[in-house]
Each structure stands twice: as C-alpha cells, then as structure tokens.
Amino acid sequence: EEGPAPGLVRQQREALFESAVRVARDVGLRNAATVEFLLSPDGAYHFLEVNARLQVEHGVTELLTGLDLVREQIFLAAGQPLSEEADTNAREALSRFLEGLGYTDVVFVEDTAS
C-alpha cells in the first residue's frame, strides 16, 4: 500500500470518501471495511467492491491512524460504540487523507440514532 495515493487532488479524495461512506450507510454496514474504487485515466472513479472485513493492508492503516482495528471490531461486535480514541484518531486520519498527507483504507460507520 502507498500513502498518499499519487495523482489524487483534494476534490477527488473528498468525493471518494463521501462515496465510500454513502455505500457503507446504504447497505447498513457497521464494522470495519474497505470500499474499493477504480480510477480512470480521465479522473473518473468507479465502484469496484466492498470488503466487509479487515484485509492484509489493515496494518498500514493501523500505523497511519494509531488505531488497533481488531480491538475496535471486537467492540462493535459486542454492541459497544467505538472507543473515544478511535473517533479522535479517525477524524485526524480523515483530515490527513483529504490533504493527501496519509492513507486510510477503513471507514467506520456507526448508527448514532440508537
């Protein structure tokens, strides 16, 4: 894995992030997952797949975010909310991602209505 992805500008990162969150919310995902897209030479992106599990690259995300993703997944599986650390670190990682200063391949979506 490489971070940041070469050749992406802030607007593309924002669009990809928003699309990934929309996909996760639309299918009711409440876990760690990777939403993958393909980028065309013209800059358009296309949905590829969702891997609703940790992948081998999760170690890269842990290094860049400072999160223990396995621990956070266990919290979610037990019906607990994400840790405060996860919320804080995820927001900081998102900021770095949007600025092109880091890479994150995991988005947490939590139902805050319940």
N, C-alpha and C. Protein backbone atom coordinates (compact mmCIF):
# COMPACT_ATOMS: atom_id res chain seq x y z
N GLU A 1 0.84 -1.18 0.00
CA GLU A 1 0.00 0.00 0.00
C GLU A 1 0.88 1.23 0.00
N GLU A 2 0.34 2.28 -0.55
CA GLU A 2 1.08 3.53 -0.63
C GLU A 2 0.21 4.66 -0.11
N GLY A 3 0.81 5.57 0.60
CA GLY A 3 0.04 6.70 1.09
C GLY A 3 0.90 7.95 1.10
N PRO A 4 0.43 9.02 0.53
CA PRO A 4 -0.88 9.18 -0.11
C PRO A 4 -0.87 8.60 -1.53
N ALA A 5 -2.05 8.38 -2.05
CA ALA A 5 -2.17 7.89 -3.42
C ALA A 5 -1.66 8.97 -4.37
N PRO A 6 -0.70 8.64 -5.21
CA PRO A 6 -0.15 9.65 -6.11
C PRO A 6 -1.19 10.09 -7.14
N GLY A 7 -1.17 11.37 -7.44
CA GLY A 7 -2.01 11.87 -8.52
C GLY A 7 -3.42 12.27 -8.12
N LEU A 8 -3.82 12.07 -6.87
CA LEU A 8 -5.16 12.48 -6.46
C LEU A 8 -5.11 13.88 -5.87
N VAL A 9 -6.10 14.68 -6.23
CA VAL A 9 -6.22 16.02 -5.65
C VAL A 9 -7.28 15.97 -4.56
N ARG A 10 -7.33 17.01 -3.75
CA ARG A 10 -8.25 17.05 -2.61
C ARG A 10 -9.70 16.76 -3.02
N GLN A 11 -10.16 17.33 -4.12
CA GLN A 11 -11.55 17.13 -4.55
C GLN A 11 -11.82 15.65 -4.84
N GLN A 12 -10.86 14.95 -5.43
CA GLN A 12 -11.04 13.53 -5.70
C GLN A 12 -11.08 12.74 -4.39
N ARG A 13 -10.21 13.08 -3.45
CA ARG A 13 -10.21 12.41 -2.15
C ARG A 13 -11.55 12.62 -1.43
N GLU A 14 -12.06 13.84 -1.46
CA GLU A 14 -13.34 14.13 -0.82
C GLU A 14 -14.46 13.32 -1.46
N ALA A 15 -14.47 13.27 -2.78
CA ALA A 15 -15.52 12.52 -3.50
C ALA A 15 -15.43 11.03 -3.19
N LEU A 16 -14.22 10.49 -3.15
CA LEU A 16 -14.05 9.08 -2.83
C LEU A 16 -14.51 8.78 -1.40
N PHE A 17 -14.12 9.63 -0.46
CA PHE A 17 -14.54 9.45 0.92
C PHE A 17 -16.06 9.48 1.04
N GLU A 18 -16.68 10.50 0.45
CA GLU A 18 -18.13 10.62 0.52
C GLU A 18 -18.83 9.42 -0.12
N SER A 19 -18.29 8.94 -1.23
CA SER A 19 -18.87 7.76 -1.88
C SER A 19 -18.73 6.52 -1.01
N ALA A 20 -17.58 6.35 -0.38
CA ALA A 20 -17.36 5.19 0.48
C ALA A 20 -18.33 5.21 1.67
N VAL A 21 -18.51 6.37 2.28
CA VAL A 21 -19.43 6.48 3.41
C VAL A 21 -20.86 6.21 2.95
N ARG A 22 -21.23 6.74 1.80
CA ARG A 22 -22.59 6.53 1.27
C ARG A 22 -22.85 5.04 1.03
N VAL A 23 -21.88 4.35 0.44
CA VAL A 23 -22.03 2.90 0.20
C VAL A 23 -22.23 2.19 1.53
N ALA A 24 -21.38 2.49 2.52
CA ALA A 24 -21.48 1.82 3.82
C ALA A 24 -22.83 2.08 4.47
N ARG A 25 -23.28 3.31 4.44
CA ARG A 25 -24.58 3.64 5.05
C ARG A 25 -25.73 2.98 4.30
N ASP A 26 -25.67 2.99 2.98
CA ASP A 26 -26.76 2.43 2.18
C ASP A 26 -26.96 0.94 2.43
N VAL A 27 -25.90 0.22 2.74
CA VAL A 27 -26.03 -1.22 2.98
C VAL A 27 -26.11 -1.56 4.46
N GLY A 28 -26.10 -0.52 5.32
CA GLY A 28 -26.21 -0.76 6.75
C GLY A 28 -24.96 -1.31 7.40
N LEU A 29 -23.81 -1.05 6.80
CA LEU A 29 -22.55 -1.56 7.34
C LEU A 29 -22.22 -0.88 8.65
N ARG A 30 -21.89 -1.68 9.63
CA ARG A 30 -21.49 -1.17 10.95
C ARG A 30 -20.29 -1.98 11.41
N ASN A 31 -19.19 -1.76 10.73
CA ASN A 31 -17.98 -2.52 11.01
C ASN A 31 -16.82 -1.88 10.25
N ALA A 32 -15.66 -2.46 10.42
CA ALA A 32 -14.51 -2.03 9.62
C ALA A 32 -14.65 -2.64 8.24
N ALA A 33 -14.32 -1.86 7.23
CA ALA A 33 -14.44 -2.36 5.86
C ALA A 33 -13.56 -1.54 4.94
N THR A 34 -13.31 -2.09 3.77
CA THR A 34 -12.60 -1.38 2.72
C THR A 34 -13.56 -1.23 1.54
N VAL A 35 -13.74 -0.01 1.09
CA VAL A 35 -14.52 0.25 -0.12
C VAL A 35 -13.51 0.58 -1.20
N GLU A 36 -13.54 -0.19 -2.28
CA GLU A 36 -12.55 -0.02 -3.34
C GLU A 36 -13.17 0.58 -4.58
N PHE A 37 -12.39 1.45 -5.22
CA PHE A 37 -12.78 2.11 -6.46
C PHE A 37 -11.64 1.98 -7.46
N LEU A 38 -11.99 2.06 -8.73
CA LEU A 38 -11.00 2.15 -9.80
C LEU A 38 -11.00 3.57 -10.32
N LEU A 39 -9.83 4.09 -10.57
CA LEU A 39 -9.69 5.45 -11.10
C LEU A 39 -9.36 5.37 -12.59
N SER A 40 -10.20 6.00 -13.42
CA SER A 40 -9.97 6.02 -14.86
C SER A 40 -8.91 7.07 -15.20
N PRO A 41 -8.27 6.93 -16.36
CA PRO A 41 -7.29 7.94 -16.78
C PRO A 41 -7.86 9.35 -16.86
N ASP A 42 -9.19 9.46 -17.09
CA ASP A 42 -9.81 10.78 -17.17
C ASP A 42 -10.16 11.36 -15.80
N GLY A 43 -9.83 10.63 -14.72
CA GLY A 43 -10.08 11.12 -13.37
C GLY A 43 -11.39 10.65 -12.77
N ALA A 44 -12.23 10.01 -13.56
CA ALA A 44 -13.49 9.47 -13.03
C ALA A 44 -13.18 8.23 -12.19
N TYR A 45 -13.97 8.01 -11.16
CA TYR A 45 -13.78 6.81 -10.35
C TYR A 45 -15.03 5.94 -10.43
N HIS A 46 -14.81 4.65 -10.27
CA HIS A 46 -15.88 3.66 -10.43
C HIS A 46 -15.82 2.68 -9.27
N PHE A 47 -16.97 2.41 -8.68
CA PHE A 47 -17.06 1.47 -7.56
C PHE A 47 -16.60 0.10 -8.01
N LEU A 48 -15.80 -0.55 -7.21
CA LEU A 48 -15.33 -1.91 -7.50
C LEU A 48 -15.96 -2.91 -6.56
N GLU A 49 -15.72 -2.75 -5.24
CA GLU A 49 -16.26 -3.72 -4.29
C GLU A 49 -16.12 -3.20 -2.86
N VAL A 50 -16.82 -3.88 -1.96
CA VAL A 50 -16.67 -3.65 -0.53
C VAL A 50 -16.16 -4.94 0.08
N ASN A 51 -15.12 -4.83 0.84
CA ASN A 51 -14.61 -5.97 1.62
C ASN A 51 -14.95 -5.68 3.07
N ALA A 52 -16.01 -6.33 3.55
CA ALA A 52 -16.52 -6.05 4.90
C ALA A 52 -15.76 -6.88 5.93
N ARG A 53 -14.48 -6.68 5.94
CA ARG A 53 -13.59 -7.37 6.87
C ARG A 53 -12.25 -6.64 6.85
N LEU A 54 -11.43 -6.94 7.81
CA LEU A 54 -10.07 -6.41 7.75
C LEU A 54 -9.31 -7.15 6.68
N GLN A 55 -8.47 -6.44 5.98
CA GLN A 55 -7.64 -7.04 4.96
C GLN A 55 -6.19 -6.98 5.39
N VAL A 56 -5.34 -7.62 4.64
CA VAL A 56 -3.92 -7.69 5.00
C VAL A 56 -3.33 -6.29 5.14
N GLU A 57 -3.86 -5.31 4.42
CA GLU A 57 -3.34 -3.95 4.48
C GLU A 57 -3.74 -3.21 5.75
N HIS A 58 -4.55 -3.83 6.61
CA HIS A 58 -5.02 -3.10 7.79
C HIS A 58 -3.87 -2.66 8.69
N GLY A 59 -2.75 -3.35 8.62
CA GLY A 59 -1.58 -2.93 9.38
C GLY A 59 -1.07 -1.56 8.97
N VAL A 60 -1.17 -1.26 7.67
CA VAL A 60 -0.77 0.07 7.18
C VAL A 60 -1.69 1.12 7.78
N THR A 61 -2.98 0.85 7.77
CA THR A 61 -3.95 1.78 8.34
C THR A 61 -3.70 1.96 9.83
N GLU A 62 -3.39 0.87 10.54
CA GLU A 62 -3.11 0.99 11.97
C GLU A 62 -1.89 1.87 12.22
N LEU A 63 -0.86 1.71 11.40
CA LEU A 63 0.34 2.53 11.57
C LEU A 63 0.05 4.01 11.32
N LEU A 64 -0.76 4.30 10.32
CA LEU A 64 -1.05 5.68 9.96
C LEU A 64 -2.08 6.35 10.87
N THR A 65 -2.96 5.55 11.48
CA THR A 65 -4.00 6.14 12.31
C THR A 65 -3.74 5.98 13.80
N GLY A 66 -2.86 5.05 14.17
CA GLY A 66 -2.62 4.79 15.58
C GLY A 66 -3.72 3.99 16.24
N LEU A 67 -4.58 3.36 15.45
CA LEU A 67 -5.70 2.58 15.98
C LEU A 67 -5.41 1.09 15.97
N ASP A 68 -5.98 0.38 16.91
CA ASP A 68 -5.97 -1.08 16.90
C ASP A 68 -7.31 -1.49 16.30
N LEU A 69 -7.32 -1.76 15.00
CA LEU A 69 -8.58 -2.03 14.30
C LEU A 69 -9.24 -3.32 14.76
N VAL A 70 -8.45 -4.30 15.15
CA VAL A 70 -9.03 -5.56 15.64
C VAL A 70 -9.80 -5.29 16.94
N ARG A 71 -9.20 -4.50 17.84
CA ARG A 71 -9.87 -4.15 19.10
C ARG A 71 -11.18 -3.41 18.82
N GLU A 72 -11.15 -2.46 17.88
CA GLU A 72 -12.36 -1.70 17.56
C GLU A 72 -13.44 -2.60 16.97
N GLN A 73 -13.04 -3.57 16.16
CA GLN A 73 -14.00 -4.51 15.60
C GLN A 73 -14.65 -5.34 16.69
N ILE A 74 -13.87 -5.74 17.68
CA ILE A 74 -14.41 -6.52 18.79
C ILE A 74 -15.42 -5.68 19.57
N PHE A 75 -15.11 -4.40 19.81
CA PHE A 75 -16.07 -3.51 20.47
C PHE A 75 -17.38 -3.49 19.70
N LEU A 76 -17.30 -3.29 18.40
CA LEU A 76 -18.52 -3.22 17.59
C LEU A 76 -19.30 -4.52 17.62
N ALA A 77 -18.58 -5.65 17.54
CA ALA A 77 -19.24 -6.96 17.55
C ALA A 77 -19.96 -7.19 18.88
N ALA A 78 -19.43 -6.61 19.96
CA ALA A 78 -20.04 -6.75 21.28
C ALA A 78 -21.16 -5.74 21.51
N GLY A 79 -21.48 -4.95 20.49
CA GLY A 79 -22.55 -3.98 20.61
C GLY A 79 -22.13 -2.70 21.30
N GLN A 80 -20.83 -2.51 21.47
CA GLN A 80 -20.32 -1.30 22.11
C GLN A 80 -19.97 -0.26 21.05
N PRO A 81 -19.94 1.00 21.43
CA PRO A 81 -19.52 2.03 20.48
C PRO A 81 -18.00 1.97 20.27
N LEU A 82 -17.54 2.66 19.26
CA LEU A 82 -16.11 2.79 19.06
C LEU A 82 -15.50 3.52 20.25
N SER A 83 -14.25 3.26 20.49
CA SER A 83 -13.57 3.96 21.57
C SER A 83 -13.44 5.44 21.24
N GLU A 84 -13.26 6.26 22.28
CA GLU A 84 -13.02 7.70 22.06
C GLU A 84 -11.77 7.89 21.22
N GLU A 85 -10.77 7.06 21.49
CA GLU A 85 -9.51 7.11 20.73
C GLU A 85 -9.77 6.90 19.24
N ALA A 86 -10.64 5.94 18.92
CA ALA A 86 -10.95 5.66 17.51
C ALA A 86 -11.61 6.86 16.85
N ASP A 87 -12.54 7.48 17.55
CA ASP A 87 -13.23 8.63 16.99
C ASP A 87 -12.23 9.76 16.72
N THR A 88 -11.41 10.08 17.71
CA THR A 88 -10.42 11.15 17.57
C THR A 88 -9.42 10.84 16.48
N ASN A 89 -8.84 9.64 16.53
CA ASN A 89 -7.82 9.26 15.55
C ASN A 89 -8.40 9.17 14.14
N ALA A 90 -9.63 8.69 14.01
CA ALA A 90 -10.25 8.59 12.69
C ALA A 90 -10.46 9.97 12.09
N ARG A 91 -10.88 10.93 12.91
CA ARG A 91 -11.07 12.30 12.41
C ARG A 91 -9.74 12.91 11.96
N GLU A 92 -8.69 12.68 12.74
CA GLU A 92 -7.37 13.19 12.37
C GLU A 92 -6.87 12.51 11.09
N ALA A 93 -7.07 11.20 10.98
CA ALA A 93 -6.65 10.47 9.79
C ALA A 93 -7.43 10.96 8.57
N LEU A 94 -8.72 11.23 8.74
CA LEU A 94 -9.52 11.75 7.63
C LEU A 94 -8.97 13.08 7.15
N SER A 95 -8.62 13.93 8.07
CA SER A 95 -8.06 15.23 7.71
C SER A 95 -6.77 15.06 6.91
N ARG A 96 -5.90 14.17 7.36
CA ARG A 96 -4.64 13.92 6.64
C ARG A 96 -4.93 13.31 5.27
N PHE A 97 -5.91 12.40 5.20
CA PHE A 97 -6.28 11.77 3.94
C PHE A 97 -6.75 12.81 2.94
N LEU A 98 -7.62 13.70 3.39
CA LEU A 98 -8.16 14.71 2.47
C LEU A 98 -7.09 15.68 2.01
N GLU A 99 -6.10 15.91 2.85
CA GLU A 99 -4.99 16.79 2.47
C GLU A 99 -3.92 16.06 1.67
N GLY A 100 -4.06 14.74 1.53
CA GLY A 100 -3.06 13.97 0.79
C GLY A 100 -1.84 13.65 1.62
N LEU A 101 -1.97 13.73 2.95
CA LEU A 101 -0.82 13.50 3.82
C LEU A 101 -0.81 12.11 4.41
N GLY A 102 -1.78 11.31 4.10
CA GLY A 102 -1.83 9.96 4.66
C GLY A 102 -2.82 9.12 3.89
N TYR A 103 -2.86 7.88 4.23
CA TYR A 103 -3.72 6.92 3.56
C TYR A 103 -4.55 6.21 4.60
N THR A 104 -5.82 6.08 4.36
CA THR A 104 -6.62 5.22 5.21
C THR A 104 -7.53 4.41 4.31
N ASP A 105 -7.65 3.14 4.63
CA ASP A 105 -8.49 2.31 3.79
C ASP A 105 -9.68 1.76 4.57
N VAL A 106 -9.92 2.29 5.75
CA VAL A 106 -11.01 1.81 6.58
C VAL A 106 -11.87 2.99 6.98
N VAL A 107 -13.16 2.81 6.83
CA VAL A 107 -14.12 3.82 7.27
C VAL A 107 -15.05 3.16 8.26
N PHE A 108 -15.23 3.75 9.43
CA PHE A 108 -16.18 3.24 10.42
C PHE A 108 -17.47 4.01 10.26
N VAL A 109 -18.57 3.29 10.18
CA VAL A 109 -19.88 3.91 10.15
C VAL A 109 -20.65 3.36 11.32
N GLU A 110 -21.10 4.25 12.19
CA GLU A 110 -21.82 3.82 13.37
C GLU A 110 -23.19 4.44 13.37
N ASP A 111 -24.19 3.65 13.72
CA ASP A 111 -25.56 4.14 13.81
C ASP A 111 -25.70 4.93 15.10
N THR A 112 -25.72 6.24 15.00
CA THR A 112 -25.82 7.08 16.20
C THR A 112 -27.26 7.33 16.60
N ALA A 113 -28.20 6.85 15.81
CA ALA A 113 -29.61 7.07 16.11
C ALA A 113 -30.10 6.15 17.24
N SER A 114 -29.39 5.06 17.48
CA SER A 114 -29.85 4.12 18.51
C SER A 114 -29.11 4.28 19.80
